[in-house]
C-alpha atoms as a PDB file:
ATOM      1  CA  MET A   1      -5.253 -22.740  -7.681  1.00  0.00           C
ATOM      2  CA  ALA A   2      -8.608 -21.085  -8.320  1.00  0.00           C
ATOM      3  CA  LEU A   3      -9.963 -18.939  -5.515  1.00  0.00           C
ATOM      4  CA  ASN A   4     -13.583 -18.878  -4.433  1.00  0.00           C
ATOM      5  CA  TRP A   5     -15.345 -15.523  -3.850  1.00  0.00           C
ATOM      6  CA  SER A   6     -14.680 -15.554  -0.119  1.00  0.00           C
ATOM      7  CA  GLU A   7     -10.973 -16.133  -0.677  1.00  0.00           C
ATOM      8  CA  VAL A   8     -10.841 -13.384  -3.311  1.00  0.00           C
ATOM      9  CA  ASP A   9     -12.363 -10.942  -0.820  1.00  0.00           C
ATOM     10  CA  ASP A  10      -9.804 -11.995   1.791  1.00  0.00           C
ATOM     11  CA  VAL A  11      -6.906 -11.499  -0.630  1.00  0.00           C
ATOM     12  CA  LEU A  12      -8.266  -8.098  -1.713  1.00  0.00           C
ATOM     13  CA  LEU A  13      -8.501  -6.997   1.916  1.00  0.00           C
ATOM     14  CA  ARG A  14      -4.985  -8.252   2.614  1.00  0.00           C
ATOM     15  CA  ALA A  15      -3.592  -6.466  -0.435  1.00  0.00           C
ATOM     16  CA  ARG A  16      -5.298  -3.179   0.502  1.00  0.00           C
ATOM     17  CA  GLY A  17      -4.056  -3.604   4.064  1.00  0.00           C
ATOM     18  CA  GLU A  18      -0.458  -4.067   2.926  1.00  0.00           C
ATOM     19  CA  TYR A  19      -0.614  -0.916   0.803  1.00  0.00           C
ATOM     20  CA  LEU A  20      -2.274   1.076   3.599  1.00  0.00           C
ATOM     21  CA  GLU A  21       0.236  -0.114   6.182  1.00  0.00           C
ATOM     22  CA  MET A  22       3.205   0.708   3.926  1.00  0.00           C
ATOM     23  CA  PRO A  23       2.288   3.803   1.875  1.00  0.00           C
ATOM     24  CA  GLY A  24       5.435   3.633  -0.267  1.00  0.00           C
ATOM     25  CA  LEU A  25       4.906  -0.010  -1.197  1.00  0.00           C
ATOM     26  CA  ARG A  26       5.483  -0.808  -4.866  1.00  0.00           C
ATOM     27  CA  LEU A  27       4.991  -4.323  -6.123  1.00  0.00           C
ATOM     28  CA  THR A  28       5.285  -6.039  -9.459  1.00  0.00           C
ATOM     29  CA  PRO A  29       2.658  -8.694 -10.171  1.00  0.00           C
ATOM     30  CA  ALA A  30       5.239 -11.407  -9.360  1.00  0.00           C
ATOM     31  CA  GLN A  31       6.038  -9.765  -6.019  1.00  0.00           C
ATOM     32  CA  ALA A  32       2.329  -9.420  -5.233  1.00  0.00           C
ATOM     33  CA  GLN A  33       1.890 -13.086  -6.046  1.00  0.00           C
ATOM     34  CA  ARG A  34       4.576 -14.067  -3.530  1.00  0.00           C
ATOM     35  CA  LEU A  35       3.422 -11.609  -0.851  1.00  0.00           C
ATOM     36  CA  LEU A  36      -0.207 -12.672  -1.081  1.00  0.00           C
ATOM     37  CA  GLY A  37       0.503 -16.385  -1.536  1.00  0.00           C
ATOM     38  CA  VAL A  38      -1.633 -16.770  -4.655  1.00  0.00           C
ATOM     39  CA  ASP A  39      -1.035 -17.831  -8.247  1.00  0.00           C
ATOM     40  CA  ALA A  40      -0.209 -15.390 -11.038  1.00  0.00           C
ATOM     41  CA  LEU A  41      -3.779 -15.198 -12.339  1.00  0.00           C
ATOM     42  CA  ALA A  42      -5.194 -14.427  -8.900  1.00  0.00           C
ATOM     43  CA  ALA A  43      -2.514 -11.801  -8.223  1.00  0.00           C
ATOM     44  CA  ARG A  44      -3.245 -10.095 -11.562  1.00  0.00           C
ATOM     45  CA  SER A  45      -6.975 -10.186 -10.830  1.00  0.00           C
ATOM     46  CA  VAL A  46      -6.525  -8.617  -7.396  1.00  0.00           C
ATOM     47  CA  ILE A  47      -4.244  -5.927  -8.803  1.00  0.00           C
ATOM     48  CA  GLN A  48      -6.655  -5.156 -11.649  1.00  0.00           C
ATOM     49  CA  THR A  49      -9.571  -4.910  -9.227  1.00  0.00           C
ATOM     50  CA  LEU A  50      -7.632  -2.412  -7.107  1.00  0.00           C
ATOM     51  CA  VAL A  51      -6.627  -0.433 -10.216  1.00  0.00           C
ATOM     52  CA  ASP A  52     -10.254  -0.370 -11.397  1.00  0.00           C
ATOM     53  CA  ALA A  53     -11.249   0.914  -7.949  1.00  0.00           C
ATOM     54  CA  LYS A  54      -8.654   3.698  -8.329  1.00  0.00           C
ATOM     55  CA  PHE A  55      -6.800   2.425  -5.256  1.00  0.00           C
ATOM     56  CA  LEU A  56      -3.680   1.406  -7.215  1.00  0.00           C
ATOM     57  CA  ARG A  57      -1.996   2.735 -10.328  1.00  0.00           C
ATOM     58  CA  GLU A  58       0.690   1.246 -12.533  1.00  0.00           C
ATOM     59  CA  THR A  59       4.074   2.938 -12.773  1.00  0.00           C
ATOM     60  CA  PRO A  60       5.971   3.182 -16.075  1.00  0.00           C
ATOM     61  CA  ASP A  61       8.195   0.278 -14.994  1.00  0.00           C
ATOM     62  CA  GLY A  62       5.258  -2.078 -14.385  1.00  0.00           C
ATOM     63  CA  ALA A  63       5.034  -1.863 -10.587  1.00  0.00           C
ATOM     64  CA  PHE A  64       1.850  -0.990  -8.747  1.00  0.00           C
ATOM     65  CA  VAL A  65       1.630   1.739  -6.113  1.00  0.00           C
ATOM     66  CA  ARG A  66      -1.183   3.453  -4.266  1.00  0.00           C
ATOM     67  CA  ALA A  67      -2.969   5.793  -6.626  1.00  0.00           C
ATOM     68  CA  ASP A  68      -2.484   8.702  -4.240  1.00  0.00           C
ATOM     69  CA  SER A  69       1.274   8.176  -3.774  1.00  0.00           C
ATOM     70  CA  GLY A  70       3.551  10.860  -5.078  1.00  0.00           C
ATOM     71  CA  ARG A  71       0.745  13.299  -5.661  1.00  0.00           C
ATOM     72  CA  ALA A  72       0.050  16.515  -3.817  1.00  0.00           C
ATOM     73  CA  ARG A  73      -2.858  16.424  -1.404  1.00  0.00           C
ATOM     74  CA  TYR A  74      -4.829  19.618  -0.849  1.00  0.00           C
END
């Protein structure tokens, strides 16, 4: 299912909200797809957008976490 721009914005906001609400959240693309209720392409697109915005980062095992998780804050 292709998403229109409005739906993409909604999914991006939902994804950010999930990560903000649960700071330790780590999701694989398949888990993000199920959580967000979108197809694989849309989930990958949302994840990539959040990585590009430096909100998420990929872990060595292929999961995605908040970019600031596990790092010292000064």
